[in-house]
Protein backbone atom coordinates (compact mmCIF):
# COMPACT_ATOMS: atom_id res chain seq x y z
CA MET A 1 -8.56 -26.17 -20.19
CA THR A 2 -4.87 -26.02 -19.69
CA LYS A 3 -3.00 -23.18 -17.79
CA VAL A 4 -0.43 -21.25 -18.78
CA LYS A 5 1.53 -18.85 -15.91
CA ASN A 6 -1.94 -18.38 -13.82
CA VAL A 7 -3.77 -18.26 -16.98
CA GLU A 8 -6.36 -20.80 -18.00
CA THR A 9 -6.72 -21.22 -22.01
CA LYS A 10 -8.85 -23.19 -23.84
CA ASP A 11 -8.03 -23.93 -27.40
CA ASN A 12 -5.27 -21.37 -27.32
CA MET A 13 -7.41 -18.27 -26.27
CA ILE A 14 -6.72 -16.94 -23.02
CA LEU A 15 -9.72 -16.71 -21.00
CA PRO A 16 -10.48 -13.56 -18.57
CA ILE A 17 -9.44 -13.43 -15.28
CA VAL A 18 -12.84 -11.87 -13.83
CA LYS A 19 -15.70 -13.36 -15.91
CA LEU A 20 -16.98 -9.75 -17.56
CA ASP A 21 -20.75 -10.88 -16.73
CA THR A 22 -19.82 -10.88 -12.99
CA LEU A 23 -19.15 -7.35 -12.76
CA TYR A 24 -20.80 -5.10 -10.05
CA SER A 25 -22.97 -2.76 -11.78
CA SER A 26 -24.14 -0.18 -9.61
CA VAL A 27 -22.08 1.84 -7.21
CA ALA A 28 -23.68 0.43 -3.87
CA ALA A 29 -22.52 -3.29 -4.70
CA ILE A 30 -18.90 -1.65 -6.03
CA ASN A 31 -18.89 0.57 -2.62
CA LYS A 32 -19.96 -3.27 -0.79
CA ALA A 33 -17.66 -4.96 -2.48
CA VAL A 34 -14.62 -2.20 -1.76
CA THR A 35 -15.45 -2.80 1.72
CA ASN A 36 -15.17 -6.69 1.69
CA VAL A 37 -11.97 -6.59 -0.17
CA THR A 38 -9.96 -4.07 2.25
CA ASN A 39 -11.71 -5.93 4.99
CA GLY A 40 -10.44 -9.32 3.85
CA GLY A 41 -7.19 -7.23 3.04
CA VAL A 42 -6.21 -6.35 6.69
CA ALA A 43 -7.12 -10.07 7.70
CA ILE A 44 -4.74 -10.96 4.68
CA GLU A 45 -2.13 -8.57 6.22
CA ILE A 46 -2.06 -9.96 10.03
CA GLU A 47 -2.09 -13.60 8.77
CA LEU A 48 1.00 -13.05 6.98
CA GLN A 49 2.72 -11.11 9.79
CA ARG A 50 1.59 -14.25 11.83
CA VAL A 51 3.30 -16.67 9.25
CA ALA A 52 6.33 -14.43 8.74
CA LEU A 53 6.85 -14.19 12.43
CA SER A 54 6.55 -18.08 12.63
CA ILE A 55 9.06 -18.58 10.13
CA MET A 56 11.36 -16.36 11.85
CA VAL A 57 11.06 -18.64 15.24
CA HIS A 58 11.55 -21.61 13.09
CA VAL A 59 14.68 -20.60 10.80
CA ALA A 60 16.28 -19.36 14.14
CA LYS A 61 15.45 -22.27 16.04
CA HIS A 62 16.46 -24.73 13.31
CA LYS A 63 18.74 -22.86 10.91
CA ASP A 64 15.82 -24.67 8.46
CA ILE A 65 15.93 -21.95 5.47
CA MET A 66 13.83 -23.72 3.61
CA ILE A 67 10.67 -23.09 4.52
CA LEU A 68 11.05 -19.23 3.97
CA ARG A 69 12.32 -19.95 0.72
CA HIS A 70 8.99 -21.75 0.09
CA PHE A 71 6.85 -19.15 1.77
CA LEU A 72 8.39 -16.33 -0.52
CA ASP A 73 7.99 -18.26 -3.94
CA LYS A 74 4.14 -18.82 -2.58
CA LEU A 75 3.41 -15.45 -2.12
CA PRO A 76 0.58 -13.95 -5.03
CA GLU A 77 2.31 -11.46 -7.06
CA SER A 78 0.00 -8.78 -5.62
CA THR A 79 2.20 -9.17 -2.36
CA ARG A 80 4.90 -6.55 -1.93
CA LYS A 81 7.63 -9.11 -1.25
CA ASP A 82 10.51 -6.21 -1.59
CA SER A 83 8.98 -5.74 2.12
CA MET A 84 8.46 -8.78 2.93
CA THR A 85 12.46 -9.42 1.91
CA ALA A 86 13.46 -6.50 4.23
CA PHE A 87 10.89 -7.36 7.17
CA PHE A 88 12.84 -10.96 7.17
CA ASP A 89 16.51 -8.90 6.43
CA MET A 90 15.45 -6.64 9.71
CA PHE A 91 14.45 -9.05 11.99
CA ALA A 92 15.26 -13.05 11.74
CA THR A 93 18.56 -14.53 11.57
CA VAL A 94 18.35 -14.57 7.45
CA SER A 95 20.50 -12.55 4.78
CA PHE A 96 19.47 -12.44 0.99
CA ALA A 97 22.25 -12.46 -1.31
CA ALA A 98 22.15 -13.40 -5.58
CA ASP A 99 22.55 -17.25 -6.16
CA GLU A 100 25.69 -17.55 -8.21
CA ASN A 101 23.82 -19.91 -10.73
CA THR A 102 20.85 -18.42 -11.06
CA LYS A 103 20.95 -14.79 -10.11
CA LYS A 104 18.02 -15.29 -8.35
CA VAL A 105 17.96 -13.86 -4.80
CA VAL A 106 17.55 -16.38 -2.26
CA ALA A 107 17.30 -16.53 1.18
CA GLN A 108 20.42 -18.19 3.67
CA PHE A 109 20.80 -19.18 6.97
CA ASP A 110 22.95 -16.09 8.75
CA ALA A 111 24.31 -17.21 12.07
CA SER A 112 25.47 -13.45 12.73
CA LYS A 113 22.32 -12.20 12.91
CA LYS A 114 20.14 -12.45 16.42
CA LEU A 115 16.06 -12.68 16.03
CA ASP A 116 14.40 -9.49 16.94
CA LEU A 117 10.81 -11.30 17.36
CA ALA A 118 10.09 -8.34 19.79
CA SER A 119 10.49 -5.95 17.32
CA ALA A 120 9.12 -7.56 14.27
CA SER A 121 5.61 -8.56 15.88
CA LEU A 122 5.05 -4.24 16.19
CA LYS A 123 6.58 -3.52 12.70
CA PRO A 124 3.75 -4.56 10.16
CA TRP A 125 6.23 -6.32 7.38
CA TYR A 126 4.24 -4.50 4.85
CA LYS A 127 6.18 -1.04 6.37
CA ALA A 128 9.65 -2.98 5.83
CA THR A 129 10.01 -0.64 3.14
CA LYS A 130 8.82 2.58 1.94
CA GLN A 131 5.59 2.08 -1.00
CA LYS A 132 5.52 4.25 -3.81
CA GLN A 133 2.48 5.82 -3.81
CA VAL A 134 0.87 5.93 -6.72
CA HIS A 135 -1.94 7.48 -5.78
CA THR A 136 -3.06 10.43 -4.02
CA PRO A 137 -6.22 10.89 -2.71
CA TYR A 138 -8.08 13.88 -3.97
CA ASP A 139 -8.02 17.23 -1.62
CA LEU A 140 -11.17 19.32 -2.76
CA LEU A 141 -9.84 21.84 0.29
CA ALA A 142 -5.77 21.94 -1.23
CA ASP A 143 -7.53 23.29 -4.64
CA ILE A 144 -9.58 25.59 -2.96
CA GLU A 145 -6.90 26.97 -0.68
CA ARG A 146 -4.67 27.15 -3.53
CA VAL A 147 -6.87 28.89 -5.89
CA LEU A 148 -7.84 31.70 -2.71
CA ALA A 149 -3.97 31.82 -2.13
CA LYS A 150 -3.92 32.68 -6.13
CA ALA A 151 -7.20 35.36 -5.60
CA THR A 152 -5.80 36.72 -2.02
CA LYS A 153 -2.61 37.56 -3.97
CA ARG A 154 -4.41 39.40 -7.00
CA VAL A 155 -6.82 41.19 -4.60
CA GLN A 156 -4.03 42.52 -2.70
CA ASN A 157 -2.02 43.94 -5.73
CA LYS A 158 -5.58 45.11 -7.05
CA GLN A 159 -5.53 42.49 -9.63
CA ALA A 160 -9.12 41.25 -9.67
CA ASP A 161 -11.93 42.82 -11.17
CA ASP A 162 -15.02 44.48 -9.31
CA ARG A 163 -17.11 41.40 -8.95
CA VAL A 164 -15.16 40.24 -6.16
CA GLU A 165 -13.76 41.70 -2.92
CA ASN A 166 -11.04 41.55 -0.39
CA ALA A 167 -14.09 40.49 1.77
CA ASP A 168 -15.21 37.92 -0.46
CA VAL A 169 -11.79 36.36 -0.09
CA ILE A 170 -11.86 36.68 3.86
CA ALA A 171 -15.11 35.18 3.96
CA LEU A 172 -13.85 32.14 1.48
CA ALA A 173 -10.90 31.64 3.82
CA ASP A 174 -12.87 31.43 7.26
CA PHE A 175 -15.24 28.82 4.88
CA VAL A 176 -12.18 26.72 4.07
CA LYS A 177 -10.61 27.36 8.50
CA THR A 178 -14.18 25.91 9.43
CA VAL A 179 -14.29 22.80 7.35
CA LYS A 180 -10.61 22.34 8.43
CA ALA A 181 -11.42 22.29 11.62
CA ARG A 182 -14.45 20.10 11.62
CA HIS A 183 -12.78 17.53 9.65
CA PRO A 184 -9.25 17.36 10.20
CA GLU A 185 -8.71 13.76 9.55
CA THR A 186 -9.62 14.22 6.14
CA VAL A 187 -7.52 16.65 5.28
CA VAL A 188 -4.39 15.70 3.21
CA ALA A 189 -1.18 17.59 2.91
CA ALA A 190 -0.89 19.03 -0.93
């Protein structure tokens, strides 16, 4: 077997990253895996923060930028590198500029900047840039509220059929208020 850009191949055939016979086959197994991955993800975020802070101290003390370049080059593709570089740019004695020959953005020691380790230790590295939200959690209450707003208008304007009365709409609104009061942490703004 050979490796081509982190993908194993055998006889010029690309092998899957995950073997299909190892997929989870039940909701319970998937939920357990999600918990394990997310808990492990938090530990990885914390360790990346510790490594980044350690590199900041090293660079400020020794003016050695190579360790930062090595770190950024070794980060997995799934890591938000834009946020990590912004984190260093905010708090470390580094700046980033495009290399004239390769056009690749590289870290450089910047003596004009001061290390702000205290602030860097309080801000998670992955919040240095805003992540594009690609998934909005489904909010059943928000959907009900949208339908409720339409229903309220139609009942008030006498556009609803005779099966729905104003009291029904008020009861539904009260139900939504009760659920929101009971579970305020689960309500997502629409």
